[in-house]
Amino acid sequence: MHQRFTPLLALPLLLTLGTAQADTASPERPGSASKRPGFMVSELVSLPHPMRAIRQDPEHFGVSREQMQALRREVMEVYPPQLHERVQAAWSLERAIRRGVLEQGKDSAAVAEQLDELTRLKREAIDLRIEALNRFRAILDPEQYQAVMTASAKGR
C-alpha cells in the first residue's frame, strides 16, 4: 500500500530528522544552565557543527592563532547566544504543542498558531547556522574548511 504524506503528517518526520542540543539543567527548567541531553530541538536541516572538530584539535586543521581568534570573535561570540535563544523558545513550544495534543486532545487547528511560531523559530535558527557556516568559510582557507567539514560530518 502506498502512503501519501501530507504536510501535517510530514511534520513529525521533519521534526525528528536532525537535532541540536542546548544547555539546560532539566527538561522542566529550560532556562537553567548545564549540559543535559534532554533539551533537544530538531533542526530543519541537519548541518555540521565545525567548531567541535576545531576545538578538539586546531593544529590538525592548521588553524592559526589569528584564525582561532577570528572564529571566536566573529562566530562563537555572535551566533551561539542568538541560536540558544531560539532553540530554547522552540523547545518550550514543542513541549507545549506535545502536551496540548497528547494530554489535552487538541487537533491541528488548535495548535496551528504554535506550529507557525515553531516553524518561524526553527527557520531563524537554521538561517543563523548557515550564516555561521559562511563565516567559517570566510575565515578558514578552502582546504581547512573542507577538512573541518569532513571531520564534522564523520563526528555525527
Protein backbone atom coordinates (compact mmCIF):
# COMPACT_ATOMS: atom_id res chain seq x y z
CA MET A 1 0.00 0.00 0.00
CA HIS A 2 1.34 3.43 -1.00
CA GLN A 3 1.24 6.14 1.68
CA ARG A 4 0.95 9.75 0.68
CA PHE A 5 2.42 12.29 3.09
CA THR A 6 0.51 15.48 3.66
CA PRO A 7 2.33 18.46 5.15
CA LEU A 8 0.74 17.85 8.55
CA LEU A 9 1.64 14.17 8.51
CA ALA A 10 5.17 15.00 7.40
CA LEU A 11 5.70 17.39 10.33
CA PRO A 12 6.63 14.69 12.89
CA LEU A 13 9.05 13.21 10.36
CA LEU A 14 10.57 16.63 9.72
CA LEU A 15 10.87 17.31 13.44
CA THR A 16 12.90 14.16 14.00
CA LEU A 17 15.42 14.48 11.15
CA GLY A 18 18.19 16.31 12.98
CA THR A 19 18.81 17.54 16.47
CA ALA A 20 20.53 20.46 18.05
CA GLN A 21 21.40 20.45 21.70
CA ALA A 22 21.24 23.40 24.01
CA ASP A 23 22.25 23.84 27.60
CA THR A 24 19.72 23.34 30.38
CA ALA A 25 19.66 21.81 33.84
CA SER A 26 16.47 19.90 33.35
CA PRO A 27 13.72 19.43 30.82
CA GLU A 28 11.39 21.08 33.32
CA ARG A 29 13.51 24.24 33.62
CA PRO A 30 14.72 25.30 30.16
CA GLY A 31 16.42 28.46 31.38
CA SER A 32 18.95 26.98 33.79
CA ALA A 33 22.41 26.13 32.54
CA SER A 34 24.14 22.74 32.47
CA LYS A 35 24.74 20.08 29.83
CA ARG A 36 21.83 17.64 29.54
CA PRO A 37 20.77 15.63 26.53
CA GLY A 38 17.09 16.06 27.46
CA PHE A 39 16.94 19.51 25.90
CA MET A 40 16.89 18.82 22.19
CA VAL A 41 15.19 20.55 19.34
CA SER A 42 15.22 19.10 15.87
CA GLU A 43 16.69 21.22 13.12
CA LEU A 44 15.05 21.91 9.78
CA VAL A 45 18.25 20.87 8.03
CA SER A 46 20.99 18.82 9.59
CA LEU A 47 24.24 20.78 9.26
CA PRO A 48 27.68 20.09 10.71
CA HIS A 49 28.95 21.75 13.88
CA PRO A 50 32.54 22.56 12.80
CA MET A 51 33.71 24.27 15.99
CA ARG A 52 33.57 20.94 17.82
CA ALA A 53 36.17 19.48 15.47
CA ILE A 54 38.34 22.59 15.58
CA ARG A 55 38.31 22.76 19.38
CA GLN A 56 39.37 19.12 19.64
CA ASP A 57 42.48 19.59 17.53
CA PRO A 58 43.06 23.00 15.90
CA GLU A 59 46.61 22.02 14.91
CA HIS A 60 45.29 19.08 12.88
CA PHE A 61 43.46 21.55 10.62
CA GLY A 62 46.28 24.09 10.61
CA VAL A 63 44.13 26.73 12.29
CA SER A 64 46.36 29.65 13.20
CA ARG A 65 46.07 31.70 16.38
CA GLU A 66 44.69 34.59 14.30
CA GLN A 67 42.08 32.36 12.67
CA MET A 68 41.07 30.96 16.05
CA GLN A 69 40.67 34.48 17.43
CA ALA A 70 38.59 35.45 14.40
CA LEU A 71 36.42 32.33 14.83
CA ARG A 72 35.83 33.19 18.48
CA ARG A 73 35.13 36.85 17.77
CA GLU A 74 33.08 36.53 14.56
CA VAL A 75 31.36 33.20 15.11
CA MET A 76 31.36 31.95 18.70
CA GLU A 77 30.60 35.28 20.35
CA VAL A 78 27.91 36.16 17.82
CA TYR A 79 25.90 33.09 16.81
CA PRO A 80 25.54 30.77 19.84
CA PRO A 81 23.71 33.33 22.01
CA GLN A 82 21.25 34.05 19.19
CA LEU A 83 20.83 30.35 18.43
CA HIS A 84 20.37 29.40 22.08
CA GLU A 85 17.55 31.92 22.47
CA ARG A 86 15.65 30.45 19.52
CA VAL A 87 16.35 26.81 20.39
CA GLN A 88 15.20 27.37 23.96
CA ALA A 89 11.98 29.03 22.76
CA ALA A 90 11.42 26.22 20.22
CA TRP A 91 11.97 23.60 22.92
CA SER A 92 9.35 25.21 25.17
CA LEU A 93 6.94 25.50 22.27
CA GLU A 94 7.46 21.87 21.23
CA ARG A 95 6.67 20.78 24.79
CA ALA A 96 3.51 22.91 24.84
CA ILE A 97 2.36 21.51 21.49
CA ARG A 98 3.11 17.95 22.59
CA ARG A 99 1.17 18.47 25.86
CA GLY A 100 -1.72 20.05 24.00
CA VAL A 101 -2.01 17.19 21.52
CA LEU A 102 -1.23 14.25 23.79
CA GLU A 103 -2.70 15.36 27.12
CA GLN A 104 -5.43 17.78 26.14
CA GLY A 105 -6.52 16.20 22.86
CA LYS A 106 -6.05 19.33 20.75
CA ASP A 107 -6.24 18.96 16.98
CA SER A 108 -4.01 20.55 14.36
CA ALA A 109 -6.25 23.61 14.05
CA ALA A 110 -5.96 24.26 17.78
CA VAL A 111 -2.15 24.25 17.66
CA ALA A 112 -1.81 25.90 14.22
CA GLU A 113 -0.51 29.22 15.58
CA GLN A 114 2.01 27.43 17.79
CA LEU A 115 3.18 25.35 14.83
CA ASP A 116 3.60 28.50 12.76
CA GLU A 117 5.67 30.08 15.54
CA LEU A 118 7.75 26.90 15.90
CA THR A 119 8.42 26.92 12.17
CA ARG A 120 9.48 30.58 12.35
CA LEU A 121 11.87 29.91 15.24
CA LYS A 122 13.43 26.92 13.52
CA ARG A 123 13.80 28.86 10.28
CA GLU A 124 15.55 31.69 12.11
CA ALA A 125 17.85 29.19 13.83
CA ILE A 126 18.83 27.47 10.58
CA ASP A 127 19.38 30.86 8.93
CA LEU A 128 21.81 31.72 11.75
CA ARG A 129 23.56 28.36 11.40
CA ILE A 130 24.01 28.98 7.66
CA GLU A 131 25.40 32.47 8.34
CA ALA A 132 27.83 30.99 10.88
CA LEU A 133 28.99 28.32 8.43
CA ASN A 134 29.61 31.02 5.84
CA ARG A 135 31.70 32.95 8.40
CA PHE A 136 33.71 29.75 8.95
CA ARG A 137 34.23 29.53 5.19
CA ALA A 138 35.41 33.15 5.04
CA ILE A 139 37.88 32.76 7.94
CA LEU A 140 39.39 29.39 7.02
CA ASP A 141 41.37 28.56 3.90
CA PRO A 142 39.41 26.40 1.42
CA GLU A 143 41.48 23.32 2.32
CA GLN A 144 41.00 23.90 6.05
CA TYR A 145 37.28 24.44 5.59
CA GLN A 146 36.89 21.22 3.62
CA ALA A 147 38.90 19.23 6.17
CA VAL A 148 36.85 20.63 9.07
CA MET A 149 33.56 19.91 7.28
CA THR A 150 34.66 16.35 6.51
CA ALA A 151 35.70 15.79 10.13
CA SER A 152 32.45 17.35 11.39
CA ALA A 153 30.38 15.07 9.17
CA LYS A 154 32.24 12.00 10.47
CA GLY A 155 31.76 13.09 14.07
CA ARG A 156 27.99 12.94 13.85
